[in-house]
Amino acid sequence: VKTTFVRNDTLEIDYFNNKADSSKIRWINDCEYIVKKINPQRMAEEKAVHMKILTSTKDTYTFEYALVGKSNKQKGVAKKIKD
């Protein structure tokens, strides 16, 4: 699945299927943060997601993520497309 997002220290806006969705970000340390939807539309969207950056290069980073409190982790890659 591919999505585009814009993020700063406290806010992330995701663009997926021509829809924008905003989330709050709380950083735990330099490589981990919690993402929580601001206006969830369904119960499944109410749960926060723990993100952990595993490795990085100049324009990409590999990360793992899971619902907060769950052990079932998935991995992904983020690529910077512009400043």
PDB file of N, CA and C in Angstrom:
ATOM      1  N   VAL A   1       0.849  -1.169   0.000  1.00  0.00           N
ATOM      2  CA  VAL A   1       0.000   0.000   0.000  1.00  0.00           C
ATOM      3  C   VAL A   1       0.895   1.231   0.000  1.00  0.00           C
ATOM      4  N   LYS A   2       0.536   2.225  -0.759  1.00  0.00           N
ATOM      5  CA  LYS A   2       1.327   3.438  -0.852  1.00  0.00           C
ATOM      6  C   LYS A   2       0.485   4.627  -0.400  1.00  0.00           C
ATOM      7  N   THR A   3       1.073   5.459   0.450  1.00  0.00           N
ATOM      8  CA  THR A   3       0.414   6.673   0.913  1.00  0.00           C
ATOM      9  C   THR A   3       1.436   7.799   0.931  1.00  0.00           C
ATOM     10  N   THR A   4       0.969   9.027   0.889  1.00  0.00           N
ATOM     11  CA  THR A   4       1.831  10.189   0.982  1.00  0.00           C
ATOM     12  C   THR A   4       1.486  10.911   2.272  1.00  0.00           C
ATOM     13  N   PHE A   5       2.511  11.423   2.960  1.00  0.00           N
ATOM     14  CA  PHE A   5       2.228  12.153   4.185  1.00  0.00           C
ATOM     15  C   PHE A   5       3.174  13.326   4.350  1.00  0.00           C
ATOM     16  N   VAL A   6       2.697  14.306   5.096  1.00  0.00           N
ATOM     17  CA  VAL A   6       3.475  15.473   5.494  1.00  0.00           C
ATOM     18  C   VAL A   6       3.493  15.456   7.008  1.00  0.00           C
ATOM     19  N   ARG A   7       4.681  15.636   7.596  1.00  0.00           N
ATOM     20  CA  ARG A   7       4.777  15.515   9.049  1.00  0.00           C
ATOM     21  C   ARG A   7       5.700  16.590   9.600  1.00  0.00           C
ATOM     22  N   ASN A   8       5.334  17.090  10.795  1.00  0.00           N
ATOM     23  CA  ASN A   8       6.259  17.899  11.572  1.00  0.00           C
ATOM     24  C   ASN A   8       6.378  17.240  12.941  1.00  0.00           C
ATOM     25  N   ASP A   9       6.849  17.946  13.941  1.00  0.00           N
ATOM     26  CA  ASP A   9       7.081  17.323  15.247  1.00  0.00           C
ATOM     27  C   ASP A   9       5.820  16.824  15.949  1.00  0.00           C
ATOM     28  N   THR A  10       4.670  17.420  15.676  1.00  0.00           N
ATOM     29  CA  THR A  10       3.465  17.065  16.427  1.00  0.00           C
ATOM     30  C   THR A  10       2.258  16.681  15.575  1.00  0.00           C
ATOM     31  N   LEU A  11       2.357  16.801  14.265  1.00  0.00           N
ATOM     32  CA  LEU A  11       1.210  16.564  13.393  1.00  0.00           C
ATOM     33  C   LEU A  11       1.633  15.831  12.133  1.00  0.00           C
ATOM     34  N   GLU A  12       0.782  14.885  11.705  1.00  0.00           N
ATOM     35  CA  GLU A  12       1.007  14.168  10.448  1.00  0.00           C
ATOM     36  C   GLU A  12      -0.291  14.213   9.657  1.00  0.00           C
ATOM     37  N   ILE A  13      -0.197  14.568   8.376  1.00  0.00           N
ATOM     38  CA  ILE A  13      -1.351  14.559   7.482  1.00  0.00           C
ATOM     39  C   ILE A  13      -1.077  13.521   6.399  1.00  0.00           C
ATOM     40  N   ASP A  14      -1.931  12.496   6.347  1.00  0.00           N
ATOM     41  CA  ASP A  14      -1.814  11.416   5.370  1.00  0.00           C
ATOM     42  C   ASP A  14      -2.768  11.673   4.210  1.00  0.00           C
ATOM     43  N   TYR A  15      -2.303  11.365   2.999  1.00  0.00           N
ATOM     44  CA  TYR A  15      -3.130  11.461   1.801  1.00  0.00           C
ATOM     45  C   TYR A  15      -3.195  10.075   1.186  1.00  0.00           C
ATOM     46  N   PHE A  16      -4.402   9.491   1.180  1.00  0.00           N
ATOM     47  CA  PHE A  16      -4.604   8.140   0.667  1.00  0.00           C
ATOM     48  C   PHE A  16      -5.941   8.100  -0.056  1.00  0.00           C
ATOM     49  N   ASN A  17      -5.961   7.611  -1.290  1.00  0.00           N
ATOM     50  CA  ASN A  17      -7.192   7.549  -2.104  1.00  0.00           C
ATOM     51  C   ASN A  17      -7.906   8.896  -2.162  1.00  0.00           C
ATOM     52  N   ASN A  18      -7.141   9.956  -2.386  1.00  0.00           N
ATOM     53  CA  ASN A  18      -7.663  11.327  -2.507  1.00  0.00           C
ATOM     54  C   ASN A  18      -8.358  11.831  -1.247  1.00  0.00           C
ATOM     55  N   LYS A  19      -8.015  11.277  -0.086  1.00  0.00           N
ATOM     56  CA  LYS A  19      -8.559  11.735   1.183  1.00  0.00           C
ATOM     57  C   LYS A  19      -7.415  12.131   2.097  1.00  0.00           C
ATOM     58  N   ALA A  20      -7.614  13.206   2.860  1.00  0.00           N
ATOM     59  CA  ALA A  20      -6.620  13.642   3.842  1.00  0.00           C
ATOM     60  C   ALA A  20      -7.091  13.224   5.234  1.00  0.00           C
ATOM     61  N   ASP A  21      -6.152  12.801   6.071  1.00  0.00           N
ATOM     62  CA  ASP A  21      -6.462  12.364   7.424  1.00  0.00           C
ATOM     63  C   ASP A  21      -5.350  12.864   8.343  1.00  0.00           C
ATOM     64  N   SER A  22      -5.711  13.486   9.452  1.00  0.00           N
ATOM     65  CA  SER A  22      -4.725  14.074  10.357  1.00  0.00           C
ATOM     66  C   SER A  22      -4.556  13.251  11.625  1.00  0.00           C
ATOM     67  N   SER A  23      -3.314  13.211  12.107  1.00  0.00           N
ATOM     68  CA  SER A  23      -2.982  12.481  13.329  1.00  0.00           C
ATOM     69  C   SER A  23      -2.052  13.320  14.193  1.00  0.00           C
ATOM     70  N   LYS A  24      -2.163  13.109  15.510  1.00  0.00           N
ATOM     71  CA  LYS A  24      -1.236  13.727  16.447  1.00  0.00           C
ATOM     72  C   LYS A  24      -0.042  12.795  16.604  1.00  0.00           C
ATOM     73  N   ILE A  25       1.137  13.389  16.814  1.00  0.00           N
ATOM     74  CA  ILE A  25       2.357  12.615  17.023  1.00  0.00           C
ATOM     75  C   ILE A  25       2.936  12.965  18.384  1.00  0.00           C
ATOM     76  N   ARG A  26       3.338  11.923  19.116  1.00  0.00           N
ATOM     77  CA  ARG A  26       4.051  12.113  20.386  1.00  0.00           C
ATOM     78  C   ARG A  26       5.336  11.318  20.306  1.00  0.00           C
ATOM     79  N   TRP A  27       6.465  12.029  20.304  1.00  0.00           N
ATOM     80  CA  TRP A  27       7.772  11.370  20.203  1.00  0.00           C
ATOM     81  C   TRP A  27       8.170  10.776  21.540  1.00  0.00           C
ATOM     82  N   ILE A  28       8.642   9.535  21.523  1.00  0.00           N
ATOM     83  CA  ILE A  28       9.146   8.843  22.709  1.00  0.00           C
ATOM     84  C   ILE A  28      10.652   9.084  22.824  1.00  0.00           C
ATOM     85  N   ASN A  29      11.351   8.963  21.706  1.00  0.00           N
ATOM     86  CA  ASN A  29      12.774   9.274  21.612  1.00  0.00           C
ATOM     87  C   ASN A  29      13.047   9.622  20.151  1.00  0.00           C
ATOM     88  N   ASP A  30      14.309   9.743  19.758  1.00  0.00           N
ATOM     89  CA  ASP A  30      14.637  10.157  18.391  1.00  0.00           C
ATOM     90  C   ASP A  30      14.167   9.176  17.316  1.00  0.00           C
ATOM     91  N   CYS A  31      13.905   7.934  17.688  1.00  0.00           N
ATOM     92  CA  CYS A  31      13.545   6.912  16.702  1.00  0.00           C
ATOM     93  C   CYS A  31      12.168   6.291  16.895  1.00  0.00           C
ATOM     94  N   GLU A  32      11.419   6.697  17.920  1.00  0.00           N
ATOM     95  CA  GLU A  32      10.109   6.106  18.186  1.00  0.00           C
ATOM     96  C   GLU A  32       9.073   7.181  18.473  1.00  0.00           C
ATOM     97  N   TYR A  33       7.869   6.950  17.956  1.00  0.00           N
ATOM     98  CA  TYR A  33       6.779   7.880  18.236  1.00  0.00           C
ATOM     99  C   TYR A  33       5.439   7.146  18.198  1.00  0.00           C
ATOM    100  N   ILE A  34       4.440   7.797  18.771  1.00  0.00           N
ATOM    101  CA  ILE A  34       3.073   7.282  18.804  1.00  0.00           C
ATOM    102  C   ILE A  34       2.223   8.171  17.898  1.00  0.00           C
ATOM    103  N   VAL A  35       1.429   7.544  17.028  1.00  0.00           N
ATOM    104  CA  VAL A  35       0.532   8.254  16.115  1.00  0.00           C
ATOM    105  C   VAL A  35      -0.904   7.952  16.529  1.00  0.00           C
ATOM    106  N   LYS A  36      -1.730   9.011  16.662  1.00  0.00           N
ATOM    107  CA  LYS A  36      -3.138   8.823  17.029  1.00  0.00           C
ATOM    108  C   LYS A  36      -3.995   9.729  16.156  1.00  0.00           C
ATOM    109  N   LYS A  37      -4.992   9.141  15.497  1.00  0.00           N
ATOM    110  CA  LYS A  37      -5.897   9.900  14.626  1.00  0.00           C
ATOM    111  C   LYS A  37      -6.614  10.999  15.421  1.00  0.00           C
ATOM    112  N   ILE A  38      -6.746  12.160  14.816  1.00  0.00           N
ATOM    113  CA  ILE A  38      -7.433  13.270  15.467  1.00  0.00           C
ATOM    114  C   ILE A  38      -8.947  13.088  15.399  1.00  0.00           C
ATOM    115  N   ASN A  39      -9.459  12.684  14.245  1.00  0.00           N
ATOM    116  CA  ASN A  39     -10.903  12.479  14.060  1.00  0.00           C
ATOM    117  C   ASN A  39     -11.165  11.088  13.491  1.00  0.00           C
ATOM    118  N   PRO A  40     -11.052  10.059  14.316  1.00  0.00           N
ATOM    119  CA  PRO A  40     -11.269   8.697  13.800  1.00  0.00           C
ATOM    120  C   PRO A  40     -12.705   8.513  13.318  1.00  0.00           C
ATOM    121  N   GLN A  41     -12.853   7.817  12.199  1.00  0.00           N
ATOM    122  CA  GLN A  41     -14.170   7.564  11.623  1.00  0.00           C
ATOM    123  C   GLN A  41     -14.743   6.214  12.054  1.00  0.00           C
ATOM    124  N   ARG A  42     -13.860   5.302  12.469  1.00  0.00           N
ATOM    125  CA  ARG A  42     -14.287   3.975  12.903  1.00  0.00           C
ATOM    126  C   ARG A  42     -13.570   3.622  14.189  1.00  0.00           C
ATOM    127  N   MET A  43     -14.069   2.628  14.893  1.00  0.00           N
ATOM    128  CA  MET A  43     -13.442   2.208  16.154  1.00  0.00           C
ATOM    129  C   MET A  43     -12.003   1.746  15.949  1.00  0.00           C
ATOM    130  N   ALA A  44     -11.723   1.073  14.835  1.00  0.00           N
ATOM    131  CA  ALA A  44     -10.367   0.590  14.571  1.00  0.00           C
ATOM    132  C   ALA A  44      -9.373   1.742  14.449  1.00  0.00           C
ATOM    133  N   GLU A  45      -9.829   2.904  14.017  1.00  0.00           N
ATOM    134  CA  GLU A  45      -8.952   4.069  13.867  1.00  0.00           C
ATOM    135  C   GLU A  45      -8.693   4.783  15.193  1.00  0.00           C
ATOM    136  N   GLU A  46      -9.410   4.424  16.234  1.00  0.00           N
ATOM    137  CA  GLU A  46      -9.231   5.070  17.537  1.00  0.00           C
ATOM    138  C   GLU A  46      -7.967   4.605  18.254  1.00  0.00           C
ATOM    139  N   LYS A  47      -7.427   3.457  17.849  1.00  0.00           N
ATOM    140  CA  LYS A  47      -6.250   2.906  18.509  1.00  0.00           C
ATOM    141  C   LYS A  47      -4.983   3.588  17.994  1.00  0.00           C
ATOM    142  N   ALA A  48      -4.076   3.903  18.915  1.00  0.00           N
ATOM    143  CA  ALA A  48      -2.810   4.532  18.559  1.00  0.00           C
ATOM    144  C   ALA A  48      -1.856   3.492  17.971  1.00  0.00           C
ATOM    145  N   VAL A  49      -0.919   3.976  17.174  1.00  0.00           N
ATOM    146  CA  VAL A  49       0.069   3.116  16.534  1.00  0.00           C
ATOM    147  C   VAL A  49       1.462   3.530  16.998  1.00  0.00           C
ATOM    148  N   HIS A  50       2.255   2.538  17.403  1.00  0.00           N
ATOM    149  CA  HIS A  50       3.640   2.764  17.816  1.00  0.00           C
ATOM    150  C   HIS A  50       4.536   2.572  16.600  1.00  0.00           C
ATOM    151  N   MET A  51       5.293   3.601  16.248  1.00  0.00           N
ATOM    152  CA  MET A  51       6.199   3.565  15.104  1.00  0.00           C
ATOM    153  C   MET A  51       7.632   3.563  15.618  1.00  0.00           C
ATOM    154  N   LYS A  52       8.499   2.746  15.010  1.00  0.00           N
ATOM    155  CA  LYS A  52       9.903   2.689  15.404  1.00  0.00           C
ATOM    156  C   LYS A  52      10.767   2.684  14.145  1.00  0.00           C
ATOM    157  N   ILE A  53      11.625   3.702  14.019  1.00  0.00           N
ATOM    158  CA  ILE A  53      12.532   3.789  12.882  1.00  0.00           C
ATOM    159  C   ILE A  53      13.710   2.851  13.155  1.00  0.00           C
ATOM    160  N   LEU A  54      13.958   1.920  12.227  1.00  0.00           N
ATOM    161  CA  LEU A  54      14.999   0.915  12.412  1.00  0.00           C
ATOM    162  C   LEU A  54      16.322   1.317  11.763  1.00  0.00           C
ATOM    163  N   THR A  55      16.268   1.766  10.522  1.00  0.00           N
ATOM    164  CA  THR A  55      17.455   2.194   9.794  1.00  0.00           C
ATOM    165  C   THR A  55      17.093   3.390   8.921  1.00  0.00           C
ATOM    166  N   SER A  56      18.118   4.163   8.549  1.00  0.00           N
ATOM    167  CA  SER A  56      17.845   5.309   7.677  1.00  0.00           C
ATOM    168  C   SER A  56      19.009   5.544   6.730  1.00  0.00           C
ATOM    169  N   THR A  57      18.674   6.161   5.591  1.00  0.00           N
ATOM    170  CA  THR A  57      19.658   6.620   4.617  1.00  0.00           C
ATOM    171  C   THR A  57      19.338   8.085   4.359  1.00  0.00           C
ATOM    172  N   LYS A  58      19.964   8.662   3.356  1.00  0.00           N
ATOM    173  CA  LYS A  58      19.722  10.077   3.058  1.00  0.00           C
ATOM    174  C   LYS A  58      18.238  10.365   2.766  1.00  0.00           C
ATOM    175  N   ASP A  59      17.589   9.505   1.991  1.00  0.00           N
ATOM    176  CA  ASP A  59      16.215   9.770   1.548  1.00  0.00           C
ATOM    177  C   ASP A  59      15.183   8.722   1.954  1.00  0.00           C
ATOM    178  N   THR A  60      15.571   7.702   2.734  1.00  0.00           N
ATOM    179  CA  THR A  60      14.613   6.672   3.135  1.00  0.00           C
ATOM    180  C   THR A  60      14.828   6.265   4.580  1.00  0.00           C
ATOM    181  N   TYR A  61      13.814   5.635   5.140  1.00  0.00           N
ATOM    182  CA  TYR A  61      14.002   4.943   6.411  1.00  0.00           C
ATOM    183  C   TYR A  61      13.107   3.714   6.461  1.00  0.00           C
ATOM    184  N   THR A  62      13.606   2.679   7.120  1.00  0.00           N
ATOM    185  CA  THR A  62      12.849   1.457   7.351  1.00  0.00           C
ATOM    186  C   THR A  62      12.273   1.547   8.751  1.00  0.00           C
ATOM    187  N   PHE A  63      11.016   1.153   8.891  1.00  0.00           N
ATOM    188  CA  PHE A  63      10.353   1.266  10.188  1.00  0.00           C
ATOM    189  C   PHE A  63       9.519   0.031  10.461  1.00  0.00           C
ATOM    190  N   GLU A  64       9.183  -0.158  11.729  1.00  0.00           N
ATOM    191  CA  GLU A  64       8.211  -1.184  12.104  1.00  0.00           C
ATOM    192  C   GLU A  64       7.107  -0.484  12.880  1.00  0.00           C
ATOM    193  N   TYR A  65       5.922  -1.079  12.840  1.00  0.00           N
ATOM    194  CA  TYR A  65       4.783  -0.465  13.514  1.00  0.00           C
ATOM    195  C   TYR A  65       3.835  -1.538  14.018  1.00  0.00           C
ATOM    196  N   ALA A  66       3.102  -1.158  15.064  1.00  0.00           N
ATOM    197  CA  ALA A  66       2.102  -2.051  15.656  1.00  0.00           C
ATOM    198  C   ALA A  66       1.132  -1.197  16.462  1.00  0.00           C
ATOM    199  N   LEU A  67      -0.062  -1.709  16.668  1.00  0.00           N
ATOM    200  CA  LEU A  67      -0.984  -1.032  17.572  1.00  0.00           C
ATOM    201  C   LEU A  67      -0.353  -1.006  18.961  1.00  0.00           C
ATOM    202  N   VAL A  68      -0.537   0.076  19.670  1.00  0.00           N
ATOM    203  CA  VAL A  68       0.032   0.199  21.013  1.00  0.00           C
ATOM    204  C   VAL A  68      -0.455  -0.969  21.870  1.00  0.00           C
ATOM    205  N   GLY A  69       0.479  -1.645  22.530  1.00  0.00           N
ATOM    206  CA  GLY A  69       0.158  -2.765  23.395  1.00  0.00           C
ATOM    207  C   GLY A  69       0.093  -4.113  22.694  1.00  0.00           C
ATOM    208  N   LYS A  70       0.238  -4.141  21.387  1.00  0.00           N
ATOM    209  CA  LYS A  70       0.184  -5.396  20.625  1.00  0.00           C
ATOM    210  C   LYS A  70       1.589  -5.782  20.168  1.00  0.00           C
ATOM    211  N   SER A  71       1.819  -7.074  19.980  1.00  0.00           N
ATOM    212  CA  SER A  71       3.140  -7.541  19.585  1.00  0.00           C
ATOM    213  C   SER A  71       3.248  -7.869  18.090  1.00  0.00           C
ATOM    214  N   ASN A  72       2.125  -7.880  17.374  1.00  0.00           N
ATOM    215  CA  ASN A  72       2.115  -8.192  15.945  1.00  0.00           C
ATOM    216  C   ASN A  72       2.637  -6.987  15.156  1.00  0.00           C
ATOM    217  N   LYS A  73       3.919  -7.001  14.790  1.00  0.00           N
ATOM    218  CA  LYS A  73       4.545  -5.864  14.118  1.00  0.00           C
ATOM    219  C   LYS A  73       4.641  -6.091  12.623  1.00  0.00           C
ATOM    220  N   GLN A  74       4.534  -5.001  11.901  1.00  0.00           N
ATOM    221  CA  GLN A  74       4.698  -4.984  10.451  1.00  0.00           C
ATOM    222  C   GLN A  74       5.870  -4.062  10.134  1.00  0.00           C
ATOM    223  N   LYS A  75       6.452  -4.196   8.941  1.00  0.00           N
ATOM    224  CA  LYS A  75       7.544  -3.323   8.532  1.00  0.00           C
ATOM    225  C   LYS A  75       7.168  -2.562   7.267  1.00  0.00           C
ATOM    226  N   GLY A  76       7.824  -1.432   7.080  1.00  0.00           N
ATOM    227  CA  GLY A  76       7.594  -0.624   5.897  1.00  0.00           C
ATOM    228  C   GLY A  76       8.814   0.230   5.605  1.00  0.00           C
ATOM    229  N   VAL A  77       8.767   0.923   4.472  1.00  0.00           N
ATOM    230  CA  VAL A  77       9.828   1.828   4.067  1.00  0.00           C
ATOM    231  C   VAL A  77       9.192   3.158   3.699  1.00  0.00           C
ATOM    232  N   ALA A  78       9.770   4.254   4.197  1.00  0.00           N
ATOM    233  CA  ALA A  78       9.319   5.592   3.854  1.00  0.00           C
ATOM    234  C   ALA A  78      10.395   6.239   2.978  1.00  0.00           C
ATOM    235  N   LYS A  79       9.973   6.942   1.936  1.00  0.00           N
ATOM    236  CA  LYS A  79      10.908   7.598   1.030  1.00  0.00           C
ATOM    237  C   LYS A  79      10.567   9.080   0.948  1.00  0.00           C
ATOM    238  N   LYS A  80      11.565   9.910   1.157  1.00  0.00           N
ATOM    239  CA  LYS A  80      11.390  11.361   1.062  1.00  0.00           C
ATOM    240  C   LYS A  80      11.284  11.752  -0.400  1.00  0.00           C
ATOM    241  N   ILE A  81      10.218  12.494  -0.761  1.00  0.00           N
ATOM    242  CA  ILE A  81      10.055  12.878  -2.150  1.00  0.00           C
ATOM    243  C   ILE A  81      10.329  14.359  -2.380  1.00  0.00           C
ATOM    244  N   LYS A  82      10.265  15.197  -1.323  1.00  0.00           N
ATOM    245  CA  LYS A  82      10.670  16.606  -1.439  1.00  0.00           C
ATOM    246  C   LYS A  82      10.819  17.207  -0.061  1.00  0.00           C
ATOM    247  N   ASP A  83      11.513  18.354  -0.012  1.00  0.00           N
ATOM    248  CA  ASP A  83      11.738  19.050   1.263  1.00  0.00           C
ATOM    249  C   ASP A  83      10.539  19.876   1.674  1.00  0.00           C
TER     250      ASP A  83
END
